[in-house]
Amino acid sequence: MATADKISESYSTISNSNDFLINGRLQIVFDMETSDPDDFITLLFLLGHPLVHLKAVTVVPGTPDQIGFLRYVLDRFNRSDLSLGVFNMNAKPALSKFHLKIYENTSIKESTEALDGSNVLLKHCDEKTILICGGPLKNVAKAIQTGQFKLGRLVAQGGFA
């Protein structure tokens, strides 16, 4: 039977974020989608948070409209250096009306400037990295299937309401 002390000790071990700090910043990779606003808002939070070092972004499916939009956003935060990975660049357009309205007076061009999402995860994830997933875990599954995927912590969010 679990005691309060054992539960507290277990929670402390699970929730200790100090393991993921390098130079005082959390090492994070974000895997997202763009069918609703929640992942975009999370991306803005991660880009702007002073205690977060965003290492890379992957997107599902990763269509040219999504890539162009994300490249535009990353550029606004002076983070065009970030690796951007995709699952299926040839899927049907996947940018929601919400995203199109955010920058409606701006011409955002479609882009194919992206890498394979699983390769981005394999390159940027390690035992010191937190991977936050907001969409379908297709990039993650593909990376896991290689047998070489390493990760410190997985945080899966979802269920926009």
N, C-alpha and C. Protein backbone atom coordinates (compact mmCIF):
# COMPACT_ATOMS: atom_id res chain seq x y z
N MET A 1 0.84 -1.18 0.00
CA MET A 1 0.00 0.00 0.00
C MET A 1 0.89 1.25 0.00
N ALA A 2 0.54 2.19 -0.86
CA ALA A 2 1.34 3.42 -1.00
C ALA A 2 1.07 4.36 0.16
N THR A 3 2.14 4.86 0.73
CA THR A 3 2.00 5.86 1.79
C THR A 3 2.16 7.25 1.18
N ALA A 4 1.75 8.26 1.92
CA ALA A 4 1.86 9.64 1.44
C ALA A 4 3.32 9.99 1.17
N ASP A 5 4.23 9.50 2.03
CA ASP A 5 5.65 9.79 1.83
C ASP A 5 6.18 9.18 0.54
N LYS A 6 5.78 7.92 0.27
CA LYS A 6 6.24 7.26 -0.95
C LYS A 6 5.67 7.93 -2.19
N ILE A 7 4.41 8.34 -2.13
CA ILE A 7 3.80 9.04 -3.26
C ILE A 7 4.51 10.37 -3.48
N SER A 8 4.76 11.09 -2.42
CA SER A 8 5.45 12.38 -2.52
C SER A 8 6.85 12.21 -3.08
N GLU A 9 7.57 11.19 -2.60
CA GLU A 9 8.92 10.92 -3.09
C GLU A 9 8.89 10.57 -4.58
N SER A 10 7.93 9.74 -4.97
CA SER A 10 7.79 9.36 -6.37
C SER A 10 7.48 10.57 -7.24
N TYR A 11 6.57 11.42 -6.79
CA TYR A 11 6.19 12.62 -7.54
C TYR A 11 7.39 13.55 -7.67
N SER A 12 8.15 13.69 -6.60
CA SER A 12 9.33 14.56 -6.62
C SER A 12 10.33 14.09 -7.67
N THR A 13 10.53 12.79 -7.78
CA THR A 13 11.45 12.24 -8.77
C THR A 13 10.94 12.48 -10.18
N ILE A 14 9.65 12.27 -10.38
CA ILE A 14 9.05 12.44 -11.70
C ILE A 14 9.06 13.90 -12.13
N SER A 15 8.78 14.80 -11.22
CA SER A 15 8.58 16.20 -11.60
C SER A 15 9.84 17.05 -11.52
N ASN A 16 10.98 16.48 -11.17
CA ASN A 16 12.21 17.27 -11.02
C ASN A 16 12.69 17.75 -12.39
N SER A 17 12.53 19.03 -12.65
CA SER A 17 12.93 19.61 -13.93
C SER A 17 14.40 19.99 -13.98
N ASN A 18 15.06 19.97 -12.83
CA ASN A 18 16.48 20.34 -12.81
C ASN A 18 17.32 19.44 -13.71
N ASP A 19 16.86 18.21 -13.94
CA ASP A 19 17.60 17.28 -14.79
C ASP A 19 17.68 17.78 -16.23
N PHE A 20 16.81 18.71 -16.61
CA PHE A 20 16.73 19.16 -17.99
C PHE A 20 17.26 20.58 -18.19
N LEU A 21 17.88 21.11 -17.15
CA LEU A 21 18.44 22.46 -17.23
C LEU A 21 19.87 22.43 -17.75
N ILE A 22 20.13 23.25 -18.73
CA ILE A 22 21.49 23.51 -19.21
C ILE A 22 21.61 25.03 -19.28
N ASN A 23 22.61 25.56 -18.59
CA ASN A 23 22.77 27.01 -18.49
C ASN A 23 21.49 27.69 -17.98
N GLY A 24 20.81 27.01 -17.06
CA GLY A 24 19.62 27.58 -16.43
C GLY A 24 18.37 27.56 -17.27
N ARG A 25 18.38 26.86 -18.40
CA ARG A 25 17.21 26.83 -19.28
C ARG A 25 16.80 25.40 -19.59
N LEU A 26 15.49 25.16 -19.63
CA LEU A 26 14.96 23.85 -19.99
C LEU A 26 15.21 23.58 -21.46
N GLN A 27 15.67 22.38 -21.76
CA GLN A 27 15.95 21.96 -23.13
C GLN A 27 14.69 21.31 -23.70
N ILE A 28 14.06 21.96 -24.68
CA ILE A 28 12.75 21.51 -25.15
C ILE A 28 12.72 21.39 -26.67
N VAL A 29 12.06 20.32 -27.14
CA VAL A 29 11.69 20.16 -28.54
C VAL A 29 10.17 20.09 -28.56
N PHE A 30 9.54 20.74 -29.54
CA PHE A 30 8.09 20.81 -29.61
C PHE A 30 7.59 20.15 -30.89
N ASP A 31 6.70 19.16 -30.75
CA ASP A 31 6.05 18.48 -31.87
C ASP A 31 4.60 18.94 -31.89
N MET A 32 4.14 19.53 -33.00
CA MET A 32 2.84 20.20 -33.00
C MET A 32 2.02 19.89 -34.25
N GLU A 33 0.81 20.43 -34.26
CA GLU A 33 -0.05 20.44 -35.43
C GLU A 33 -0.73 21.80 -35.49
N THR A 34 -1.48 22.06 -36.55
CA THR A 34 -2.09 23.39 -36.70
C THR A 34 -3.58 23.31 -37.05
N SER A 35 -4.28 22.33 -36.53
CA SER A 35 -5.71 22.25 -36.83
C SER A 35 -6.54 23.12 -35.90
N ASP A 36 -5.96 23.55 -34.80
CA ASP A 36 -6.63 24.46 -33.86
C ASP A 36 -5.57 25.32 -33.17
N PRO A 37 -5.99 26.31 -32.38
CA PRO A 37 -5.03 27.30 -31.85
C PRO A 37 -4.09 26.84 -30.74
N ASP A 38 -4.40 25.77 -30.01
CA ASP A 38 -3.65 25.48 -28.78
C ASP A 38 -2.16 25.26 -29.00
N ASP A 39 -1.78 24.54 -30.04
CA ASP A 39 -0.35 24.30 -30.27
C ASP A 39 0.37 25.57 -30.68
N PHE A 40 -0.29 26.43 -31.44
CA PHE A 40 0.31 27.71 -31.83
C PHE A 40 0.57 28.56 -30.59
N ILE A 41 -0.38 28.60 -29.68
CA ILE A 41 -0.21 29.37 -28.44
C ILE A 41 0.93 28.78 -27.61
N THR A 42 1.01 27.46 -27.56
CA THR A 42 2.12 26.81 -26.86
C THR A 42 3.45 27.18 -27.50
N LEU A 43 3.50 27.18 -28.83
CA LEU A 43 4.73 27.56 -29.53
C LEU A 43 5.14 28.99 -29.16
N LEU A 44 4.20 29.91 -29.15
CA LEU A 44 4.52 31.30 -28.78
C LEU A 44 5.08 31.36 -27.36
N PHE A 45 4.45 30.62 -26.45
CA PHE A 45 4.93 30.57 -25.07
C PHE A 45 6.36 30.05 -25.00
N LEU A 46 6.63 28.95 -25.70
CA LEU A 46 7.96 28.36 -25.68
C LEU A 46 9.00 29.29 -26.30
N LEU A 47 8.64 29.96 -27.38
CA LEU A 47 9.57 30.88 -28.04
C LEU A 47 9.90 32.08 -27.17
N GLY A 48 8.94 32.53 -26.38
CA GLY A 48 9.14 33.74 -25.60
C GLY A 48 9.57 33.54 -24.17
N HIS A 49 9.54 32.32 -23.67
CA HIS A 49 9.83 32.09 -22.26
C HIS A 49 11.34 32.16 -21.99
N PRO A 50 11.76 32.96 -21.03
CA PRO A 50 13.20 33.13 -20.78
C PRO A 50 13.89 31.90 -20.20
N LEU A 51 13.15 30.95 -19.65
CA LEU A 51 13.77 29.76 -19.07
C LEU A 51 13.69 28.55 -19.99
N VAL A 52 13.31 28.79 -21.25
CA VAL A 52 13.18 27.70 -22.22
C VAL A 52 14.19 27.90 -23.34
N HIS A 53 14.93 26.83 -23.62
CA HIS A 53 15.76 26.80 -24.83
C HIS A 53 15.06 25.85 -25.79
N LEU A 54 14.36 26.41 -26.78
CA LEU A 54 13.67 25.60 -27.77
C LEU A 54 14.69 25.14 -28.80
N LYS A 55 14.89 23.82 -28.87
CA LYS A 55 15.94 23.25 -29.71
C LYS A 55 15.48 22.99 -31.13
N ALA A 56 14.20 22.63 -31.31
CA ALA A 56 13.68 22.29 -32.63
C ALA A 56 12.16 22.22 -32.55
N VAL A 57 11.53 22.25 -33.73
CA VAL A 57 10.08 22.13 -33.84
C VAL A 57 9.79 21.11 -34.93
N THR A 58 8.84 20.21 -34.66
CA THR A 58 8.34 19.32 -35.70
C THR A 58 6.84 19.51 -35.80
N VAL A 59 6.30 19.24 -36.99
CA VAL A 59 4.87 19.47 -37.22
C VAL A 59 4.29 18.31 -38.02
N VAL A 60 3.02 18.00 -37.72
CA VAL A 60 2.28 16.95 -38.42
C VAL A 60 1.08 17.61 -39.08
N PRO A 61 0.77 17.37 -40.34
CA PRO A 61 1.59 16.52 -41.20
C PRO A 61 2.85 17.21 -41.71
N GLY A 62 2.82 18.54 -41.83
CA GLY A 62 4.00 19.25 -42.31
C GLY A 62 3.89 19.68 -43.75
N THR A 63 2.75 20.24 -44.09
CA THR A 63 2.48 20.67 -45.46
C THR A 63 3.14 22.02 -45.75
N PRO A 64 3.31 22.36 -47.03
CA PRO A 64 3.95 23.63 -47.37
C PRO A 64 3.28 24.86 -46.74
N ASP A 65 1.95 24.84 -46.56
CA ASP A 65 1.30 25.98 -45.90
C ASP A 65 1.69 26.05 -44.43
N GLN A 66 1.79 24.90 -43.76
CA GLN A 66 2.24 24.87 -42.37
C GLN A 66 3.69 25.32 -42.25
N ILE A 67 4.53 24.81 -43.13
CA ILE A 67 5.96 25.15 -43.09
C ILE A 67 6.15 26.64 -43.28
N GLY A 68 5.48 27.22 -44.28
CA GLY A 68 5.60 28.65 -44.53
C GLY A 68 5.15 29.48 -43.34
N PHE A 69 4.02 29.07 -42.75
CA PHE A 69 3.49 29.77 -41.58
C PHE A 69 4.47 29.70 -40.41
N LEU A 70 4.96 28.50 -40.12
CA LEU A 70 5.87 28.33 -38.99
C LEU A 70 7.20 29.05 -39.23
N ARG A 71 7.70 29.01 -40.44
CA ARG A 71 8.93 29.76 -40.75
C ARG A 71 8.71 31.25 -40.51
N TYR A 72 7.54 31.76 -40.89
CA TYR A 72 7.21 33.18 -40.68
C TYR A 72 7.21 33.50 -39.18
N VAL A 73 6.56 32.65 -38.39
CA VAL A 73 6.49 32.87 -36.93
C VAL A 73 7.88 32.78 -36.31
N LEU A 74 8.64 31.76 -36.66
CA LEU A 74 9.99 31.61 -36.11
C LEU A 74 10.85 32.83 -36.44
N ASP A 75 10.68 33.36 -37.64
CA ASP A 75 11.43 34.55 -38.03
C ASP A 75 11.05 35.77 -37.19
N ARG A 76 9.77 35.88 -36.82
CA ARG A 76 9.33 37.00 -35.97
C ARG A 76 10.04 36.98 -34.62
N PHE A 77 10.41 35.79 -34.16
CA PHE A 77 11.10 35.64 -32.87
C PHE A 77 12.62 35.52 -33.05
N ASN A 78 13.10 35.84 -34.23
CA ASN A 78 14.53 35.71 -34.55
C ASN A 78 15.05 34.30 -34.30
N ARG A 79 14.22 33.30 -34.63
CA ARG A 79 14.62 31.90 -34.45
C ARG A 79 14.56 31.12 -35.76
N SER A 80 14.93 31.77 -36.84
CA SER A 80 14.95 31.08 -38.12
C SER A 80 16.03 30.00 -38.14
N ASP A 81 16.88 29.98 -37.11
CA ASP A 81 17.92 28.96 -36.97
C ASP A 81 17.37 27.61 -36.54
N LEU A 82 16.14 27.57 -36.03
CA LEU A 82 15.59 26.32 -35.52
C LEU A 82 15.36 25.31 -36.64
N SER A 83 15.70 24.05 -36.36
CA SER A 83 15.35 22.97 -37.28
C SER A 83 13.85 22.79 -37.25
N LEU A 84 13.26 22.64 -38.43
CA LEU A 84 11.83 22.40 -38.55
C LEU A 84 11.66 21.07 -39.27
N GLY A 85 10.99 20.13 -38.62
CA GLY A 85 10.79 18.81 -39.19
C GLY A 85 9.33 18.54 -39.49
N VAL A 86 9.09 17.71 -40.51
CA VAL A 86 7.72 17.40 -40.93
C VAL A 86 7.55 15.89 -41.10
N PHE A 87 6.29 15.47 -41.08
CA PHE A 87 5.99 14.05 -41.28
C PHE A 87 5.65 13.76 -42.74
N ASN A 88 4.75 14.55 -43.33
CA ASN A 88 4.29 14.29 -44.69
C ASN A 88 4.03 15.60 -45.42
N MET A 89 5.02 16.06 -46.15
CA MET A 89 4.92 17.33 -46.85
C MET A 89 3.87 17.29 -47.96
N ASN A 90 3.49 16.11 -48.39
CA ASN A 90 2.56 15.98 -49.52
C ASN A 90 1.10 15.80 -49.10
N ALA A 91 0.81 15.93 -47.83
CA ALA A 91 -0.58 15.82 -47.36
C ALA A 91 -1.37 17.05 -47.83
N LYS A 92 -2.69 16.98 -47.66
CA LYS A 92 -3.52 18.13 -48.05
C LYS A 92 -3.25 19.30 -47.10
N PRO A 93 -3.47 20.54 -47.55
CA PRO A 93 -3.21 21.71 -46.70
C PRO A 93 -3.82 21.54 -45.30
N ALA A 94 -3.06 21.96 -44.28
CA ALA A 94 -3.47 21.66 -42.91
C ALA A 94 -3.44 22.87 -41.98
N LEU A 95 -3.44 24.06 -42.54
CA LEU A 95 -3.43 25.27 -41.72
C LEU A 95 -4.87 25.72 -41.50
N SER A 96 -5.27 25.89 -40.24
CA SER A 96 -6.66 26.24 -39.94
C SER A 96 -6.95 27.70 -40.27
N LYS A 97 -8.24 28.03 -40.31
CA LYS A 97 -8.67 29.42 -40.55
C LYS A 97 -8.15 30.34 -39.45
N PHE A 98 -8.07 29.83 -38.23
CA PHE A 98 -7.53 30.61 -37.12
C PHE A 98 -6.13 31.13 -37.46
N HIS A 99 -5.29 30.24 -37.94
CA HIS A 99 -3.90 30.60 -38.25
C HIS A 99 -3.83 31.58 -39.41
N LEU A 100 -4.71 31.41 -40.38
CA LEU A 100 -4.72 32.31 -41.54
C LEU A 100 -5.13 33.72 -41.14
N LYS A 101 -5.99 33.85 -40.14
CA LYS A 101 -6.47 35.18 -39.71
C LYS A 101 -5.45 35.92 -38.85
N ILE A 102 -4.56 35.22 -38.20
CA ILE A 102 -3.61 35.86 -37.30
C ILE A 102 -2.77 36.90 -38.03
N TYR A 103 -2.30 36.53 -39.19
CA TYR A 103 -1.45 37.43 -39.99
C TYR A 103 -2.13 37.72 -41.32
N GLU A 104 -3.44 38.02 -41.28
CA GLU A 104 -4.22 38.12 -42.52
C GLU A 104 -3.77 39.23 -43.46
N ASN A 105 -3.13 40.25 -42.98
CA ASN A 105 -2.67 41.33 -43.85
C ASN A 105 -1.23 41.12 -44.32
N THR A 106 -0.72 39.93 -44.11
CA THR A 106 0.65 39.60 -44.47
C THR A 106 0.63 38.47 -45.49
N SER A 107 1.49 38.56 -46.45
CA SER A 107 1.59 37.49 -47.44
C SER A 107 2.62 36.48 -46.95
N ILE A 108 2.13 35.33 -46.55
CA ILE A 108 3.02 34.26 -46.08
C ILE A 108 3.09 33.21 -47.18
N LYS A 109 4.27 32.99 -47.69
CA LYS A 109 4.45 32.07 -48.80
C LYS A 109 4.62 30.64 -48.30
N GLU A 110 4.06 29.71 -49.06
CA GLU A 110 4.28 28.30 -48.75
C GLU A 110 5.77 28.00 -48.88
N SER A 111 6.20 26.99 -48.16
CA SER A 111 7.62 26.64 -48.17
C SER A 111 7.78 25.13 -48.07
N THR A 112 8.88 24.66 -48.59
CA THR A 112 9.25 23.25 -48.41
C THR A 112 10.58 23.16 -47.66
N GLU A 113 10.97 24.24 -47.02
CA GLU A 113 12.23 24.29 -46.27
C GLU A 113 12.05 23.61 -44.91
N ALA A 114 12.13 22.29 -44.94
CA ALA A 114 11.96 21.49 -43.73
C ALA A 114 12.65 20.15 -43.91
N LEU A 115 12.91 19.51 -42.79
CA LEU A 115 13.57 18.22 -42.77
C LEU A 115 12.58 17.13 -42.37
N ASP A 116 13.00 15.89 -42.48
CA ASP A 116 12.18 14.79 -41.99
C ASP A 116 12.04 14.91 -40.47
N GLY A 117 10.79 14.88 -39.98
CA GLY A 117 10.52 15.08 -38.56
C GLY A 117 11.22 14.10 -37.65
N SER A 118 11.25 12.83 -38.05
CA SER A 118 11.90 11.84 -37.18
C SER A 118 13.40 12.09 -37.10
N ASN A 119 14.01 12.53 -38.19
CA ASN A 119 15.44 12.85 -38.16
C ASN A 119 15.73 14.05 -37.27
N VAL A 120 14.83 15.03 -37.28
CA VAL A 120 14.99 16.19 -36.39
C VAL A 120 14.92 15.74 -34.93
N LEU A 121 13.97 14.86 -34.62
CA LEU A 121 13.85 14.36 -33.25
C LEU A 121 15.09 13.56 -32.85
N LEU A 122 15.58 12.72 -33.75
CA LEU A 122 16.78 11.93 -33.45
C LEU A 122 17.99 12.82 -33.21
N LYS A 123 18.08 13.91 -33.93
CA LYS A 123 19.23 14.82 -33.79
C LYS A 123 19.14 15.67 -32.53
N HIS A 124 17.95 16.17 -32.19
CA HIS A 124 17.83 17.17 -31.13
C HIS A 124 17.34 16.64 -29.78
N CYS A 125 16.86 15.42 -29.74
CA CYS A 125 16.40 14.85 -28.47
C CYS A 125 17.49 13.98 -27.86
N ASP A 126 17.63 14.10 -26.55
CA ASP A 126 18.55 13.26 -25.79
C ASP A 126 18.03 13.15 -24.36
N GLU A 127 18.82 12.56 -23.48
CA GLU A 127 18.37 12.34 -22.11
C GLU A 127 18.14 13.63 -21.33
N LYS A 128 18.61 14.76 -21.83
CA LYS A 128 18.44 16.06 -21.17
C LYS A 128 17.32 16.88 -21.81
N THR A 129 16.55 16.27 -22.71
CA THR A 129 15.53 17.00 -23.47
C THR A 129 14.13 16.60 -23.05
N ILE A 130 13.26 17.60 -22.97
CA ILE A 130 11.83 17.38 -22.78
C ILE A 130 11.18 17.54 -24.15
N LEU A 131 10.45 16.53 -24.59
CA LEU A 131 9.70 16.60 -25.84
C LEU A 131 8.24 16.85 -25.49
N ILE A 132 7.72 17.99 -25.95
CA ILE A 132 6.31 18.32 -25.74
C ILE A 132 5.58 18.05 -27.04
N CYS A 133 4.55 17.21 -26.97
CA CYS A 133 3.78 16.84 -28.16
C CYS A 133 2.36 17.35 -28.04
N GLY A 134 1.89 18.02 -29.07
CA GLY A 134 0.54 18.55 -29.06
C GLY A 134 -0.35 17.93 -30.11
N GLY A 135 0.21 17.18 -31.01
CA GLY A 135 -0.58 16.60 -32.10
C GLY A 135 -0.39 15.11 -32.17
N PRO A 136 -0.77 14.52 -33.30
CA PRO A 136 -0.58 13.08 -33.49
C PRO A 136 0.91 12.74 -33.36
N LEU A 137 1.21 11.63 -32.76
CA LEU A 137 2.59 11.26 -32.45
C LEU A 137 3.30 10.56 -33.61
N LYS A 138 3.04 11.00 -34.82
CA LYS A 138 3.60 10.33 -36.00
C LYS A 138 5.11 10.52 -36.11
N ASN A 139 5.61 11.73 -35.89
CA ASN A 139 7.06 11.95 -35.92
C ASN A 139 7.74 11.17 -34.81
N VAL A 140 7.12 11.15 -33.64
CA VAL A 140 7.68 10.44 -32.49
C VAL A 140 7.72 8.94 -32.76
N ALA A 141 6.62 8.39 -33.28
CA ALA A 141 6.57 6.96 -33.57
C ALA A 141 7.65 6.56 -34.58
N LYS A 142 7.80 7.38 -35.61
CA LYS A 142 8.81 7.09 -36.63
C LYS A 142 10.22 7.13 -36.03
N ALA A 143 10.47 8.07 -35.13
CA ALA A 143 11.78 8.15 -34.47
C ALA A 143 12.01 6.94 -33.57
N ILE A 144 10.98 6.55 -32.82
CA ILE A 144 11.09 5.39 -31.92
C ILE A 144 11.39 4.12 -32.71
N GLN A 145 10.76 3.98 -33.87
CA GLN A 145 10.93 2.77 -34.68
C GLN A 145 12.37 2.57 -35.16
N THR A 146 13.18 3.61 -35.12
CA THR A 146 14.58 3.47 -35.53
C THR A 146 15.40 2.70 -34.50
N GLY A 147 14.91 2.66 -33.26
CA GLY A 147 15.64 2.01 -32.18
C GLY A 147 16.78 2.87 -31.62
N GLN A 148 16.90 4.11 -32.11
CA GLN A 148 17.99 4.99 -31.67
C GLN A 148 17.50 6.23 -30.94
N PHE A 149 16.21 6.32 -30.72
CA PHE A 149 15.62 7.52 -30.13
C PHE A 149 15.89 7.58 -28.64
N LYS A 150 16.41 8.72 -28.17
CA LYS A 150 16.68 8.94 -26.75
C LYS A 150 15.91 10.18 -26.31
N LEU A 151 15.41 10.13 -25.08
CA LEU A 151 14.59 11.22 -24.59
C LEU A 151 14.62 11.25 -23.07
N GLY A 152 14.63 12.46 -22.52
CA GLY A 152 14.58 12.61 -21.07
C GLY A 152 13.16 12.52 -20.54
N ARG A 153 12.25 13.24 -21.18
CA ARG A 153 10.86 13.25 -20.72
C ARG A 153 9.94 13.55 -21.89
N LEU A 154 8.80 12.88 -21.92
CA LEU A 154 7.76 13.12 -22.92
C LEU A 154 6.56 13.73 -22.23
N VAL A 155 6.10 14.86 -22.74
CA VAL A 155 4.88 15.50 -22.24
C VAL A 155 3.92 15.56 -23.41
N ALA A 156 2.80 14.86 -23.31
CA ALA A 156 1.80 14.86 -24.38
C ALA A 156 0.61 15.69 -23.92
N GLN A 157 0.30 16.71 -24.70
CA GLN A 157 -0.86 17.54 -24.42
C GLN A 157 -1.85 17.32 -25.55
N GLY A 158 -3.08 17.65 -25.30
CA GLY A 158 -4.06 17.50 -26.37
C GLY A 158 -5.46 17.75 -25.88
N GLY A 159 -6.38 17.72 -26.80
CA GLY A 159 -7.78 17.88 -26.45
C GLY A 159 -8.22 19.32 -26.39
N PHE A 160 -7.98 20.07 -27.47
CA PHE A 160 -8.42 21.47 -27.52
C PHE A 160 -9.92 21.53 -27.29
N ALA A 161 -10.34 22.45 -26.42
CA ALA A 161 -11.77 22.56 -26.13
C ALA A 161 -12.24 23.98 -26.35
